[in-house]
Amino acid sequence: MKRHRIFIAINLPERVKRNLVPFQKKWPEIPAKWVKPENLHITLEFLGYLKDEELVEVCRFTKEAALKHNSFDINLIKICYGLPLSAGQALDKKPPRMIWAVGEKSEEFTALKDGLDKSLGISESREFSPHITLGRIRKWDWQRIEPEERPEINEEINLIFSVNSIEIMESVLKRGGPEYSIIESFNLR
Protein backbone atom coordinates (compact mmCIF):
# COMPACT_ATOMS: atom_id res chain seq x y z
CA MET A 1 0.00 0.00 0.00
CA LYS A 2 1.45 3.33 -1.06
CA ARG A 3 1.95 5.93 1.62
CA HIS A 4 2.42 9.62 0.98
CA ARG A 5 4.83 11.84 2.94
CA ILE A 6 2.57 14.80 3.68
CA PHE A 7 2.82 18.27 5.16
CA ILE A 8 0.58 21.34 5.17
CA ALA A 9 2.25 24.55 4.09
CA ILE A 10 2.01 28.18 3.17
CA ASN A 11 3.77 28.46 -0.17
CA LEU A 12 5.67 31.65 -0.91
CA PRO A 13 5.24 34.07 -3.79
CA GLU A 14 8.13 33.98 -6.29
CA ARG A 15 9.07 37.55 -5.28
CA VAL A 16 9.67 36.42 -1.68
CA LYS A 17 11.76 33.44 -2.78
CA ARG A 18 13.89 35.72 -4.99
CA ASN A 19 14.50 38.01 -2.00
CA LEU A 20 15.50 35.13 0.28
CA VAL A 21 17.89 33.25 -2.04
CA PRO A 22 20.76 35.80 -1.72
CA PHE A 23 20.90 35.06 2.03
CA GLN A 24 21.74 31.44 1.20
CA LYS A 25 24.91 32.68 -0.50
CA LYS A 26 25.85 35.26 2.14
CA TRP A 27 27.61 32.84 4.52
CA PRO A 28 29.56 30.36 2.35
CA GLU A 29 31.61 29.28 5.37
CA ILE A 30 28.55 27.74 7.04
CA PRO A 31 28.39 23.98 6.40
CA ALA A 32 24.74 23.82 5.40
CA LYS A 33 22.56 22.00 2.93
CA TRP A 34 20.65 24.90 1.42
CA VAL A 35 16.99 24.46 0.53
CA LYS A 36 16.25 24.73 -3.20
CA PRO A 37 14.48 28.02 -3.97
CA GLU A 38 11.42 26.21 -5.32
CA ASN A 39 11.09 24.34 -1.99
CA LEU A 40 11.02 27.40 0.28
CA HIS A 41 7.78 27.45 2.30
CA ILE A 42 6.33 27.76 5.81
CA THR A 43 5.36 24.40 7.28
CA LEU A 44 2.14 24.56 9.28
CA GLU A 45 2.06 20.85 10.05
CA PHE A 46 4.23 17.86 9.13
CA LEU A 47 2.00 14.78 9.12
CA GLY A 48 4.44 12.09 7.99
CA TYR A 49 3.45 9.06 5.94
CA LEU A 50 -0.30 8.73 5.28
CA LYS A 51 -2.43 6.14 3.49
CA ASP A 52 -4.82 7.31 0.75
CA GLU A 53 -7.86 7.24 3.04
CA GLU A 54 -6.01 9.23 5.71
CA LEU A 55 -5.03 11.79 3.06
CA VAL A 56 -8.70 12.19 2.05
CA GLU A 57 -9.56 12.94 5.70
CA VAL A 58 -6.69 15.43 6.02
CA CYS A 59 -7.92 17.22 2.88
CA ARG A 60 -11.43 17.48 4.33
CA PHE A 61 -10.23 18.80 7.71
CA THR A 62 -7.80 21.24 6.10
CA LYS A 63 -10.52 22.62 3.82
CA GLU A 64 -12.81 23.14 6.83
CA ALA A 65 -10.03 24.96 8.70
CA ALA A 66 -9.17 27.16 5.69
CA LEU A 67 -12.79 28.27 5.24
CA LYS A 68 -12.86 29.60 8.81
CA HIS A 69 -9.92 31.99 8.36
CA ASN A 70 -9.41 35.21 6.41
CA SER A 71 -6.40 36.01 4.25
CA PHE A 72 -3.66 37.83 6.15
CA ASP A 73 -0.13 39.16 5.78
CA ILE A 74 3.11 37.70 7.12
CA ASN A 75 6.03 40.03 7.73
CA LEU A 76 9.40 38.28 7.62
CA ILE A 77 11.61 40.23 10.03
CA LYS A 78 14.96 38.45 10.39
CA ILE A 79 17.40 35.81 9.21
CA CYS A 80 18.86 33.85 12.12
CA TYR A 81 19.91 30.44 13.34
CA GLY A 82 16.94 28.10 13.62
CA LEU A 83 15.62 26.48 16.72
CA PRO A 84 16.58 29.62 18.62
CA LEU A 85 19.05 29.25 21.43
CA SER A 86 17.92 29.91 24.97
CA ALA A 87 18.84 33.29 26.38
CA GLY A 88 22.52 33.34 27.24
CA GLN A 89 23.26 30.02 25.54
CA ALA A 90 26.43 30.16 23.48
CA LEU A 91 26.66 28.73 19.96
CA ASP A 92 29.34 26.27 21.07
CA LYS A 93 27.11 24.66 23.73
CA LYS A 94 24.22 23.43 21.60
CA PRO A 95 24.73 23.85 17.88
CA PRO A 96 21.97 25.43 15.83
CA ARG A 97 20.33 23.05 13.39
CA MET A 98 19.03 25.44 10.78
CA ILE A 99 19.10 28.89 9.28
CA TRP A 100 15.67 30.49 9.24
CA ALA A 101 13.82 33.48 7.88
CA VAL A 102 11.50 34.30 10.79
CA GLY A 103 8.18 36.08 10.58
CA GLU A 104 6.39 38.19 13.13
CA LYS A 105 3.79 36.33 15.15
CA SER A 106 0.32 37.58 14.35
CA GLU A 107 -3.13 36.81 15.70
CA GLU A 108 -4.22 35.67 12.25
CA PHE A 109 -1.31 33.24 11.81
CA THR A 110 -1.76 31.84 15.32
CA ALA A 111 -5.52 31.43 14.78
CA LEU A 112 -4.93 29.58 11.49
CA LYS A 113 -2.29 27.28 13.01
CA ASP A 114 -4.43 26.57 16.11
CA GLY A 115 -7.56 26.03 13.99
CA LEU A 116 -5.71 23.62 11.72
CA ASP A 117 -4.26 21.73 14.70
CA LYS A 118 -7.73 21.50 16.26
CA SER A 119 -9.32 20.26 12.99
CA LEU A 120 -6.62 17.60 12.66
CA GLY A 121 -6.78 16.59 16.34
CA ILE A 122 -3.21 17.69 17.00
CA SER A 123 -2.31 19.21 20.35
CA GLU A 124 0.79 21.35 20.05
CA SER A 125 2.07 22.74 23.33
CA ARG A 126 5.00 24.83 22.12
CA GLU A 127 4.56 28.32 20.79
CA PHE A 128 4.95 28.49 17.04
CA SER A 129 6.06 31.40 14.91
CA PRO A 130 6.14 31.46 11.13
CA HIS A 131 9.56 30.53 9.77
CA ILE A 132 11.14 29.38 6.53
CA THR A 133 14.06 26.97 6.60
CA LEU A 134 16.76 28.36 4.31
CA GLY A 135 19.36 25.73 5.18
CA ARG A 136 20.05 22.75 7.44
CA ILE A 137 23.40 22.85 9.23
CA ARG A 138 25.59 19.76 8.99
CA LYS A 139 26.28 19.16 12.67
CA TRP A 140 29.66 17.42 12.41
CA ASP A 141 31.09 19.98 10.00
CA TRP A 142 29.77 22.78 12.22
CA GLN A 143 31.53 21.36 15.27
CA ARG A 144 34.87 21.40 13.43
CA ILE A 145 34.70 25.19 13.11
CA GLU A 146 36.34 27.02 16.00
CA PRO A 147 33.58 28.72 18.06
CA GLU A 148 35.07 32.20 17.54
CA GLU A 149 35.09 31.63 13.76
CA ARG A 150 31.38 30.77 13.55
CA PRO A 151 29.53 33.60 11.87
CA GLU A 152 26.91 35.55 13.74
CA ILE A 153 23.61 35.46 11.86
CA ASN A 154 21.08 37.99 12.99
CA GLU A 155 20.05 39.97 9.94
CA GLU A 156 17.01 42.22 10.05
CA ILE A 157 14.76 42.11 7.01
CA ASN A 158 11.34 43.47 6.15
CA LEU A 159 9.54 41.28 3.64
CA ILE A 160 5.73 41.28 3.67
CA PHE A 161 3.49 38.95 1.68
CA SER A 162 -0.18 37.94 1.69
CA VAL A 163 -1.35 34.47 2.63
CA ASN A 164 -4.45 33.63 0.59
CA SER A 165 -4.30 29.82 0.66
CA ILE A 166 -2.78 26.82 2.37
CA GLU A 167 -1.63 23.70 0.57
CA ILE A 168 -1.42 20.02 1.30
CA MET A 169 1.98 19.02 -0.03
CA GLU A 170 3.62 15.72 -0.80
CA SER A 171 7.34 15.33 -0.27
CA VAL A 172 9.08 12.64 -2.31
CA LEU A 173 12.60 11.98 -1.08
CA LYS A 174 15.06 11.72 -3.97
CA ARG A 175 18.82 11.50 -4.25
CA GLY A 176 19.16 15.21 -5.14
CA GLY A 177 16.90 16.29 -2.27
CA PRO A 178 13.16 16.25 -1.67
CA GLU A 179 10.70 17.15 -4.41
CA TYR A 180 7.47 18.81 -3.32
CA SER A 181 4.16 18.81 -5.14
CA ILE A 182 0.81 20.32 -4.25
CA ILE A 183 -1.85 17.68 -3.62
CA GLU A 184 -4.62 20.20 -2.87
CA SER A 185 -4.84 23.95 -2.34
CA PHE A 186 -7.48 25.62 -0.17
CA ASN A 187 -8.23 29.34 -0.32
CA LEU A 188 -8.70 31.24 2.89
CA ARG A 189 -11.85 33.39 3.17
C-alpha atoms as a PDB file:
ATOM      1  CA  MET A   1       0.000   0.000   0.000  1.00  0.00           C
ATOM      2  CA  LYS A   2       1.449   3.331  -1.057  1.00  0.00           C
ATOM      3  CA  ARG A   3       1.946   5.931   1.624  1.00  0.00           C
ATOM      4  CA  HIS A   4       2.424   9.620   0.977  1.00  0.00           C
ATOM      5  CA  ARG A   5       4.831  11.839   2.941  1.00  0.00           C
ATOM      6  CA  ILE A   6       2.567  14.801   3.675  1.00  0.00           C
ATOM      7  CA  PHE A   7       2.825  18.270   5.162  1.00  0.00           C
ATOM      8  CA  ILE A   8       0.585  21.337   5.174  1.00  0.00           C
ATOM      9  CA  ALA A   9       2.252  24.554   4.085  1.00  0.00           C
ATOM     10  CA  ILE A  10       2.014  28.178   3.173  1.00  0.00           C
ATOM     11  CA  ASN A  11       3.766  28.462  -0.167  1.00  0.00           C
ATOM     12  CA  LEU A  12       5.670  31.650  -0.911  1.00  0.00           C
ATOM     13  CA  PRO A  13       5.238  34.066  -3.789  1.00  0.00           C
ATOM     14  CA  GLU A  14       8.134  33.984  -6.293  1.00  0.00           C
ATOM     15  CA  ARG A  15       9.068  37.551  -5.282  1.00  0.00           C
ATOM     16  CA  VAL A  16       9.668  36.417  -1.681  1.00  0.00           C
ATOM     17  CA  LYS A  17      11.760  33.435  -2.780  1.00  0.00           C
ATOM     18  CA  ARG A  18      13.892  35.715  -4.990  1.00  0.00           C
ATOM     19  CA  ASN A  19      14.496  38.009  -2.004  1.00  0.00           C
ATOM     20  CA  LEU A  20      15.502  35.128   0.283  1.00  0.00           C
ATOM     21  CA  VAL A  21      17.892  33.254  -2.040  1.00  0.00           C
ATOM     22  CA  PRO A  22      20.760  35.805  -1.719  1.00  0.00           C
ATOM     23  CA  PHE A  23      20.895  35.061   2.029  1.00  0.00           C
ATOM     24  CA  GLN A  24      21.735  31.445   1.201  1.00  0.00           C
ATOM     25  CA  LYS A  25      24.911  32.679  -0.495  1.00  0.00           C
ATOM     26  CA  LYS A  26      25.847  35.256   2.137  1.00  0.00           C
ATOM     27  CA  TRP A  27      27.606  32.837   4.522  1.00  0.00           C
ATOM     28  CA  PRO A  28      29.557  30.360   2.349  1.00  0.00           C
ATOM     29  CA  GLU A  29      31.612  29.276   5.368  1.00  0.00           C
ATOM     30  CA  ILE A  30      28.546  27.738   7.044  1.00  0.00           C
ATOM     31  CA  PRO A  31      28.392  23.984   6.399  1.00  0.00           C
ATOM     32  CA  ALA A  32      24.743  23.823   5.403  1.00  0.00           C
ATOM     33  CA  LYS A  33      22.563  21.998   2.933  1.00  0.00           C
ATOM     34  CA  TRP A  34      20.645  24.896   1.421  1.00  0.00           C
ATOM     35  CA  VAL A  35      16.987  24.458   0.526  1.00  0.00           C
ATOM     36  CA  LYS A  36      16.252  24.727  -3.201  1.00  0.00           C
ATOM     37  CA  PRO A  37      14.479  28.021  -3.969  1.00  0.00           C
ATOM     38  CA  GLU A  38      11.420  26.207  -5.318  1.00  0.00           C
ATOM     39  CA  ASN A  39      11.095  24.338  -1.990  1.00  0.00           C
ATOM     40  CA  LEU A  40      11.024  27.402   0.280  1.00  0.00           C
ATOM     41  CA  HIS A  41       7.781  27.454   2.301  1.00  0.00           C
ATOM     42  CA  ILE A  42       6.330  27.765   5.811  1.00  0.00           C
ATOM     43  CA  THR A  43       5.358  24.398   7.282  1.00  0.00           C
ATOM     44  CA  LEU A  44       2.141  24.557   9.278  1.00  0.00           C
ATOM     45  CA  GLU A  45       2.062  20.851  10.054  1.00  0.00           C
ATOM     46  CA  PHE A  46       4.229  17.862   9.132  1.00  0.00           C
ATOM     47  CA  LEU A  47       1.995  14.775   9.120  1.00  0.00           C
ATOM     48  CA  GLY A  48       4.441  12.092   7.993  1.00  0.00           C
ATOM     49  CA  TYR A  49       3.449   9.059   5.943  1.00  0.00           C
ATOM     50  CA  LEU A  50      -0.302   8.732   5.283  1.00  0.00           C
ATOM     51  CA  LYS A  51      -2.429   6.143   3.493  1.00  0.00           C
ATOM     52  CA  ASP A  52      -4.818   7.308   0.747  1.00  0.00           C
ATOM     53  CA  GLU A  53      -7.864   7.242   3.041  1.00  0.00           C
ATOM     54  CA  GLU A  54      -6.011   9.234   5.714  1.00  0.00           C
ATOM     55  CA  LEU A  55      -5.033  11.786   3.060  1.00  0.00           C
ATOM     56  CA  VAL A  56      -8.696  12.188   2.050  1.00  0.00           C
ATOM     57  CA  GLU A  57      -9.559  12.943   5.695  1.00  0.00           C
ATOM     58  CA  VAL A  58      -6.694  15.426   6.020  1.00  0.00           C
ATOM     59  CA  CYS A  59      -7.921  17.224   2.881  1.00  0.00           C
ATOM     60  CA  ARG A  60     -11.432  17.479   4.332  1.00  0.00           C
ATOM     61  CA  PHE A  61     -10.230  18.803   7.712  1.00  0.00           C
ATOM     62  CA  THR A  62      -7.797  21.237   6.095  1.00  0.00           C
ATOM     63  CA  LYS A  63     -10.516  22.622   3.816  1.00  0.00           C
ATOM     64  CA  GLU A  64     -12.807  23.142   6.831  1.00  0.00           C
ATOM     65  CA  ALA A  65     -10.033  24.961   8.701  1.00  0.00           C
ATOM     66  CA  ALA A  66      -9.166  27.165   5.693  1.00  0.00           C
ATOM     67  CA  LEU A  67     -12.792  28.270   5.244  1.00  0.00           C
ATOM     68  CA  LYS A  68     -12.861  29.602   8.813  1.00  0.00           C
ATOM     69  CA  HIS A  69      -9.924  31.993   8.357  1.00  0.00           C
ATOM     70  CA  ASN A  70      -9.407  35.205   6.410  1.00  0.00           C
ATOM     71  CA  SER A  71      -6.404  36.007   4.250  1.00  0.00           C
ATOM     72  CA  PHE A  72      -3.661  37.835   6.147  1.00  0.00           C
ATOM     73  CA  ASP A  73      -0.128  39.160   5.776  1.00  0.00           C
ATOM     74  CA  ILE A  74       3.107  37.701   7.119  1.00  0.00           C
ATOM     75  CA  ASN A  75       6.027  40.026   7.730  1.00  0.00           C
ATOM     76  CA  LEU A  76       9.402  38.284   7.618  1.00  0.00           C
ATOM     77  CA  ILE A  77      11.608  40.227  10.026  1.00  0.00           C
ATOM     78  CA  LYS A  78      14.956  38.452  10.386  1.00  0.00           C
ATOM     79  CA  ILE A  79      17.396  35.806   9.210  1.00  0.00           C
ATOM     80  CA  CYS A  80      18.861  33.851  12.124  1.00  0.00           C
ATOM     81  CA  TYR A  81      19.905  30.436  13.345  1.00  0.00           C
ATOM     82  CA  GLY A  82      16.940  28.100  13.620  1.00  0.00           C
ATOM     83  CA  LEU A  83      15.620  26.480  16.715  1.00  0.00           C
ATOM     84  CA  PRO A  84      16.584  29.616  18.622  1.00  0.00           C
ATOM     85  CA  LEU A  85      19.055  29.255  21.428  1.00  0.00           C
ATOM     86  CA  SER A  86      17.915  29.907  24.970  1.00  0.00           C
ATOM     87  CA  ALA A  87      18.840  33.290  26.383  1.00  0.00           C
ATOM     88  CA  GLY A  88      22.524  33.340  27.245  1.00  0.00           C
ATOM     89  CA  GLN A  89      23.257  30.019  25.543  1.00  0.00           C
ATOM     90  CA  ALA A  90      26.426  30.155  23.477  1.00  0.00           C
ATOM     91  CA  LEU A  91      26.657  28.727  19.959  1.00  0.00           C
ATOM     92  CA  ASP A  92      29.336  26.267  21.066  1.00  0.00           C
ATOM     93  CA  LYS A  93      27.110  24.656  23.734  1.00  0.00           C
ATOM     94  CA  LYS A  94      24.223  23.428  21.598  1.00  0.00           C
ATOM     95  CA  PRO A  95      24.733  23.853  17.877  1.00  0.00           C
ATOM     96  CA  PRO A  96      21.975  25.435  15.827  1.00  0.00           C
ATOM     97  CA  ARG A  97      20.334  23.048  13.391  1.00  0.00           C
ATOM     98  CA  MET A  98      19.029  25.443  10.777  1.00  0.00           C
ATOM     99  CA  ILE A  99      19.098  28.891   9.280  1.00  0.00           C
ATOM    100  CA  TRP A 100      15.672  30.494   9.236  1.00  0.00           C
ATOM    101  CA  ALA A 101      13.822  33.481   7.881  1.00  0.00           C
ATOM    102  CA  VAL A 102      11.504  34.297  10.786  1.00  0.00           C
ATOM    103  CA  GLY A 103       8.183  36.082  10.582  1.00  0.00           C
ATOM    104  CA  GLU A 104       6.390  38.186  13.133  1.00  0.00           C
ATOM    105  CA  LYS A 105       3.792  36.327  15.150  1.00  0.00           C
ATOM    106  CA  SER A 106       0.321  37.578  14.354  1.00  0.00           C
ATOM    107  CA  GLU A 107      -3.133  36.814  15.702  1.00  0.00           C
ATOM    108  CA  GLU A 108      -4.215  35.667  12.246  1.00  0.00           C
ATOM    109  CA  PHE A 109      -1.306  33.244  11.814  1.00  0.00           C
ATOM    110  CA  THR A 110      -1.762  31.838  15.322  1.00  0.00           C
ATOM    111  CA  ALA A 111      -5.517  31.427  14.785  1.00  0.00           C
ATOM    112  CA  LEU A 112      -4.933  29.583  11.491  1.00  0.00           C
ATOM    113  CA  LYS A 113      -2.295  27.280  13.014  1.00  0.00           C
ATOM    114  CA  ASP A 114      -4.433  26.575  16.106  1.00  0.00           C
ATOM    115  CA  GLY A 115      -7.559  26.033  13.987  1.00  0.00           C
ATOM    116  CA  LEU A 116      -5.707  23.620  11.716  1.00  0.00           C
ATOM    117  CA  ASP A 117      -4.264  21.728  14.700  1.00  0.00           C
ATOM    118  CA  LYS A 118      -7.734  21.501  16.258  1.00  0.00           C
ATOM    119  CA  SER A 119      -9.316  20.264  12.987  1.00  0.00           C
ATOM    120  CA  LEU A 120      -6.624  17.597  12.656  1.00  0.00           C
ATOM    121  CA  GLY A 121      -6.782  16.591  16.336  1.00  0.00           C
ATOM    122  CA  ILE A 122      -3.210  17.688  17.004  1.00  0.00           C
ATOM    123  CA  SER A 123      -2.312  19.209  20.348  1.00  0.00           C
ATOM    124  CA  GLU A 124       0.789  21.354  20.046  1.00  0.00           C
ATOM    125  CA  SER A 125       2.068  22.741  23.335  1.00  0.00           C
ATOM    126  CA  ARG A 126       5.002  24.834  22.121  1.00  0.00           C
ATOM    127  CA  GLU A 127       4.558  28.317  20.794  1.00  0.00           C
ATOM    128  CA  PHE A 128       4.951  28.491  17.044  1.00  0.00           C
ATOM    129  CA  SER A 129       6.057  31.402  14.915  1.00  0.00           C
ATOM    130  CA  PRO A 130       6.145  31.457  11.126  1.00  0.00           C
ATOM    131  CA  HIS A 131       9.562  30.534   9.772  1.00  0.00           C
ATOM    132  CA  ILE A 132      11.138  29.383   6.533  1.00  0.00           C
ATOM    133  CA  THR A 133      14.061  26.973   6.604  1.00  0.00           C
ATOM    134  CA  LEU A 134      16.756  28.365   4.310  1.00  0.00           C
ATOM    135  CA  GLY A 135      19.361  25.734   5.184  1.00  0.00           C
ATOM    136  CA  ARG A 136      20.048  22.753   7.442  1.00  0.00           C
ATOM    137  CA  ILE A 137      23.396  22.853   9.231  1.00  0.00           C
ATOM    138  CA  ARG A 138      25.586  19.761   8.989  1.00  0.00           C
ATOM    139  CA  LYS A 139      26.280  19.157  12.672  1.00  0.00           C
ATOM    140  CA  TRP A 140      29.663  17.425  12.413  1.00  0.00           C
ATOM    141  CA  ASP A 141      31.093  19.982   9.996  1.00  0.00           C
ATOM    142  CA  TRP A 142      29.774  22.781  12.224  1.00  0.00           C
ATOM    143  CA  GLN A 143      31.531  21.361  15.269  1.00  0.00           C
ATOM    144  CA  ARG A 144      34.869  21.397  13.426  1.00  0.00           C
ATOM    145  CA  ILE A 145      34.703  25.195  13.112  1.00  0.00           C
ATOM    146  CA  GLU A 146      36.340  27.021  15.996  1.00  0.00           C
ATOM    147  CA  PRO A 147      33.583  28.717  18.055  1.00  0.00           C
ATOM    148  CA  GLU A 148      35.069  32.195  17.541  1.00  0.00           C
ATOM    149  CA  GLU A 149      35.092  31.626  13.763  1.00  0.00           C
ATOM    150  CA  ARG A 150      31.381  30.772  13.550  1.00  0.00           C
ATOM    151  CA  PRO A 151      29.529  33.603  11.873  1.00  0.00           C
ATOM    152  CA  GLU A 152      26.909  35.546  13.743  1.00  0.00           C
ATOM    153  CA  ILE A 153      23.614  35.458  11.858  1.00  0.00           C
ATOM    154  CA  ASN A 154      21.082  37.992  12.986  1.00  0.00           C
ATOM    155  CA  GLU A 155      20.051  39.967   9.938  1.00  0.00           C
ATOM    156  CA  GLU A 156      17.006  42.225  10.055  1.00  0.00           C
ATOM    157  CA  ILE A 157      14.761  42.114   7.008  1.00  0.00           C
ATOM    158  CA  ASN A 158      11.337  43.467   6.150  1.00  0.00           C
ATOM    159  CA  LEU A 159       9.535  41.282   3.640  1.00  0.00           C
ATOM    160  CA  ILE A 160       5.727  41.278   3.670  1.00  0.00           C
ATOM    161  CA  PHE A 161       3.486  38.954   1.677  1.00  0.00           C
ATOM    162  CA  SER A 162      -0.178  37.938   1.695  1.00  0.00           C
ATOM    163  CA  VAL A 163      -1.352  34.471   2.631  1.00  0.00           C
ATOM    164  CA  ASN A 164      -4.452  33.626   0.592  1.00  0.00           C
ATOM    165  CA  SER A 165      -4.299  29.822   0.659  1.00  0.00           C
ATOM    166  CA  ILE A 166      -2.782  26.820   2.372  1.00  0.00           C
ATOM    167  CA  GLU A 167      -1.627  23.701   0.572  1.00  0.00           C
ATOM    168  CA  ILE A 168      -1.420  20.015   1.300  1.00  0.00           C
ATOM    169  CA  MET A 169       1.982  19.022  -0.032  1.00  0.00           C
ATOM    170  CA  GLU A 170       3.617  15.716  -0.804  1.00  0.00           C
ATOM    171  CA  SER A 171       7.338  15.325  -0.270  1.00  0.00           C
ATOM    172  CA  VAL A 172       9.083  12.644  -2.307  1.00  0.00           C
ATOM    173  CA  LEU A 173      12.596  11.981  -1.082  1.00  0.00           C
ATOM    174  CA  LYS A 174      15.059  11.724  -3.968  1.00  0.00           C
ATOM    175  CA  ARG A 175      18.819  11.503  -4.252  1.00  0.00           C
ATOM    176  CA  GLY A 176      19.155  15.209  -5.140  1.00  0.00           C
ATOM    177  CA  GLY A 177      16.904  16.290  -2.274  1.00  0.00           C
ATOM    178  CA  PRO A 178      13.159  16.251  -1.669  1.00  0.00           C
ATOM    179  CA  GLU A 179      10.700  17.146  -4.411  1.00  0.00           C
ATOM    180  CA  TYR A 180       7.475  18.813  -3.322  1.00  0.00           C
ATOM    181  CA  SER A 181       4.165  18.811  -5.141  1.00  0.00           C
ATOM    182  CA  ILE A 182       0.810  20.318  -4.255  1.00  0.00           C
ATOM    183  CA  ILE A 183      -1.855  17.677  -3.619  1.00  0.00           C
ATOM    184  CA  GLU A 184      -4.615  20.201  -2.871  1.00  0.00           C
ATOM    185  CA  SER A 185      -4.838  23.950  -2.336  1.00  0.00           C
ATOM    186  CA  PHE A 186      -7.483  25.624  -0.167  1.00  0.00           C
ATOM    187  CA  ASN A 187      -8.234  29.336  -0.317  1.00  0.00           C
ATOM    188  CA  LEU A 188      -8.704  31.243   2.889  1.00  0.00           C
ATOM    189  CA  ARG A 189     -11.850  33.391   3.169  1.00  0.00           C
END
